[in-house]
């Protein structure tokens, strides 16, 4: 009787713990889960010319598909995000509206993750830019010396 009670309690706890972990990001793809976290700008190029980085710029991707942009620790804007594969198997489109096919428009935003580096390319009618980010543990960890 003691063994049955102990086993029942153990099984109930195991089911409860398994059912509660990771539910927040269950609808995210593996690529979207790789984006989740804080990323600080370390390089920015307009066309092929490197430009200075003004202040501390951090982008955060959350498990609820919220993308937040911070300038010097202050929230500037939030939007939703989705990732969809491009023709290149290592690169993905970063979507902010899930029903638009950016591969068929004059604007595109693609990204690639390599280790702790995130590179985002944006191109439109009159602009082509590349921004390189480094993963950081928190917004408070952002600094000018990265």
Protein backbone atom coordinates (compact mmCIF):
# COMPACT_ATOMS: atom_id res chain seq x y z
CA UNK A 1 0.00 0.00 0.00
CA UNK A 2 2.85 2.42 0.87
CA UNK A 3 4.58 1.62 -2.42
CA UNK A 4 1.40 2.23 -4.42
CA UNK A 5 0.80 5.59 -2.70
CA UNK A 6 4.42 6.63 -3.16
CA UNK A 7 4.38 5.56 -6.82
CA UNK A 8 1.11 7.43 -7.47
CA UNK A 9 2.46 10.64 -5.91
CA UNK A 10 5.74 10.33 -7.83
CA UNK A 11 3.87 9.74 -11.11
CA UNK A 12 1.56 12.73 -10.51
CA UNK A 13 4.55 15.01 -9.82
CA UNK A 14 6.38 13.75 -12.91
CA UNK A 15 3.35 14.38 -15.14
CA UNK A 16 2.84 17.85 -13.65
CA UNK A 17 6.48 18.84 -14.21
CA UNK A 18 6.57 17.48 -17.77
CA UNK A 19 3.34 19.22 -18.68
CA UNK A 20 4.51 22.63 -17.46
CA UNK A 21 7.94 22.96 -19.00
CA UNK A 22 8.42 24.71 -22.30
CA UNK A 23 4.76 25.40 -23.03
CA UNK A 24 5.49 29.08 -23.77
CA UNK A 25 7.47 28.43 -26.93
CA UNK A 26 5.72 25.29 -28.21
CA UNK A 27 4.50 27.08 -31.36
CA UNK A 28 7.97 28.48 -32.19
CA UNK A 29 10.12 26.75 -34.79
CA UNK A 30 13.63 25.69 -33.81
CA UNK A 31 15.02 28.70 -35.69
CA UNK A 32 12.66 31.07 -33.85
CA UNK A 33 13.67 29.48 -30.52
CA UNK A 34 17.32 30.15 -31.46
CA UNK A 35 16.44 33.86 -31.83
CA UNK A 36 14.91 34.10 -28.34
CA UNK A 37 17.04 36.27 -26.07
CA UNK A 38 18.92 39.56 -26.12
CA UNK A 39 21.17 40.68 -28.99
CA UNK A 40 23.34 43.82 -28.98
CA UNK A 41 24.38 45.63 -32.17
CA UNK A 42 28.15 45.33 -32.73
CA UNK A 43 28.40 46.34 -36.42
CA UNK A 44 26.19 48.16 -38.89
CA UNK A 45 26.70 48.62 -42.63
CA UNK A 46 24.69 50.73 -45.06
CA UNK A 47 25.35 49.23 -48.47
CA UNK A 48 28.95 48.09 -47.90
CA UNK A 49 30.09 51.09 -45.84
CA UNK A 50 30.45 50.55 -42.11
CA UNK A 51 28.61 53.13 -40.02
CA UNK A 52 29.11 54.14 -36.39
CA UNK A 53 26.78 52.66 -33.79
CA UNK A 54 24.98 55.39 -31.88
CA UNK A 55 24.66 54.40 -28.24
CA UNK A 56 23.70 50.95 -27.03
CA UNK A 57 21.20 49.17 -29.26
CA UNK A 58 19.64 45.88 -28.17
CA UNK A 59 17.00 43.73 -29.80
CA UNK A 60 15.07 41.16 -27.75
CA UNK A 61 13.10 38.22 -29.11
CA UNK A 62 10.60 36.68 -26.67
CA UNK A 63 8.82 33.31 -26.68
CA UNK A 64 5.45 35.02 -27.21
CA UNK A 65 6.75 36.22 -30.63
CA UNK A 66 7.33 39.77 -29.39
CA UNK A 67 10.38 41.57 -30.76
CA UNK A 68 11.50 44.60 -28.72
CA UNK A 69 14.08 47.22 -29.67
CA UNK A 70 15.95 49.17 -26.99
CA UNK A 71 18.13 52.25 -27.44
CA UNK A 72 20.35 53.05 -24.43
CA UNK A 73 18.17 50.84 -22.21
CA UNK A 74 14.88 52.50 -23.20
CA UNK A 75 12.20 50.59 -25.09
CA UNK A 76 11.69 52.19 -28.53
CA UNK A 77 9.14 49.83 -30.11
CA UNK A 78 7.71 46.32 -30.07
CA UNK A 79 6.39 44.19 -32.90
CA UNK A 80 5.61 40.52 -33.58
CA UNK A 81 8.01 38.24 -35.48
CA UNK A 82 8.02 35.01 -37.48
CA UNK A 83 10.86 33.24 -39.31
CA UNK A 84 10.47 31.53 -42.68
CA UNK A 85 13.17 29.85 -44.77
CA UNK A 86 14.74 31.59 -47.76
CA UNK A 87 16.15 29.80 -50.80
CA UNK A 88 19.45 29.52 -48.89
CA UNK A 89 19.05 26.74 -46.30
CA UNK A 90 21.11 28.65 -43.69
CA UNK A 91 19.20 31.92 -44.00
CA UNK A 92 15.65 32.87 -43.02
CA UNK A 93 13.26 35.74 -43.64
CA UNK A 94 12.29 37.72 -40.57
CA UNK A 95 8.58 38.50 -40.93
CA UNK A 96 6.64 41.08 -38.94
CA UNK A 97 3.32 40.29 -40.62
CA UNK A 98 2.76 36.56 -41.10
CA UNK A 99 0.57 36.82 -44.21
CA UNK A 100 3.00 38.82 -46.39
CA UNK A 101 5.44 36.93 -48.63
CA UNK A 102 8.50 39.16 -48.44
CA UNK A 103 10.25 37.16 -51.15
CA UNK A 104 7.72 38.67 -53.59
CA UNK A 105 8.05 42.32 -52.45
CA UNK A 106 10.62 45.10 -52.89
CA UNK A 107 11.45 44.85 -49.16
CA UNK A 108 13.11 41.90 -47.52
CA UNK A 109 14.59 41.20 -44.14
CA UNK A 110 16.62 38.02 -43.79
CA UNK A 111 18.82 36.72 -41.01
CA UNK A 112 21.39 34.09 -40.16
CA UNK A 113 22.60 32.84 -36.77
CA UNK A 114 26.16 31.58 -36.37
CA UNK A 115 27.09 30.75 -32.77
CA UNK A 116 26.52 33.87 -30.67
CA UNK A 117 26.24 36.14 -33.75
CA UNK A 118 23.04 37.20 -35.49
CA UNK A 119 23.27 38.95 -38.86
CA UNK A 120 20.23 40.73 -40.28
CA UNK A 121 20.13 42.00 -43.87
CA UNK A 122 17.45 44.50 -44.85
CA UNK A 123 16.86 45.63 -48.41
CA UNK A 124 14.26 47.88 -49.91
CA UNK A 125 13.83 50.22 -52.85
CA UNK A 126 16.62 52.61 -51.82
CA UNK A 127 18.35 50.91 -48.90
CA UNK A 128 20.51 47.87 -48.28
CA UNK A 129 21.85 47.35 -44.78
CA UNK A 130 23.53 44.67 -42.71
CA UNK A 131 23.49 44.66 -38.92
CA UNK A 132 25.53 42.24 -36.82
CA UNK A 133 24.43 41.46 -33.26
CA UNK A 134 26.10 39.59 -30.42
CA UNK A 135 24.06 37.54 -27.93
CA UNK A 136 24.12 38.96 -24.41
CA UNK A 137 22.61 37.43 -21.24
CA UNK A 138 20.32 40.36 -20.35
CA UNK A 139 19.47 43.93 -21.20
CA UNK A 140 21.54 45.04 -18.19
CA UNK A 141 24.59 43.29 -19.68
CA UNK A 142 24.65 45.60 -22.72
CA UNK A 143 27.69 47.85 -22.95
CA UNK A 144 29.55 50.05 -25.39
CA UNK A 145 32.71 47.92 -25.21
CA UNK A 146 31.37 44.77 -26.92
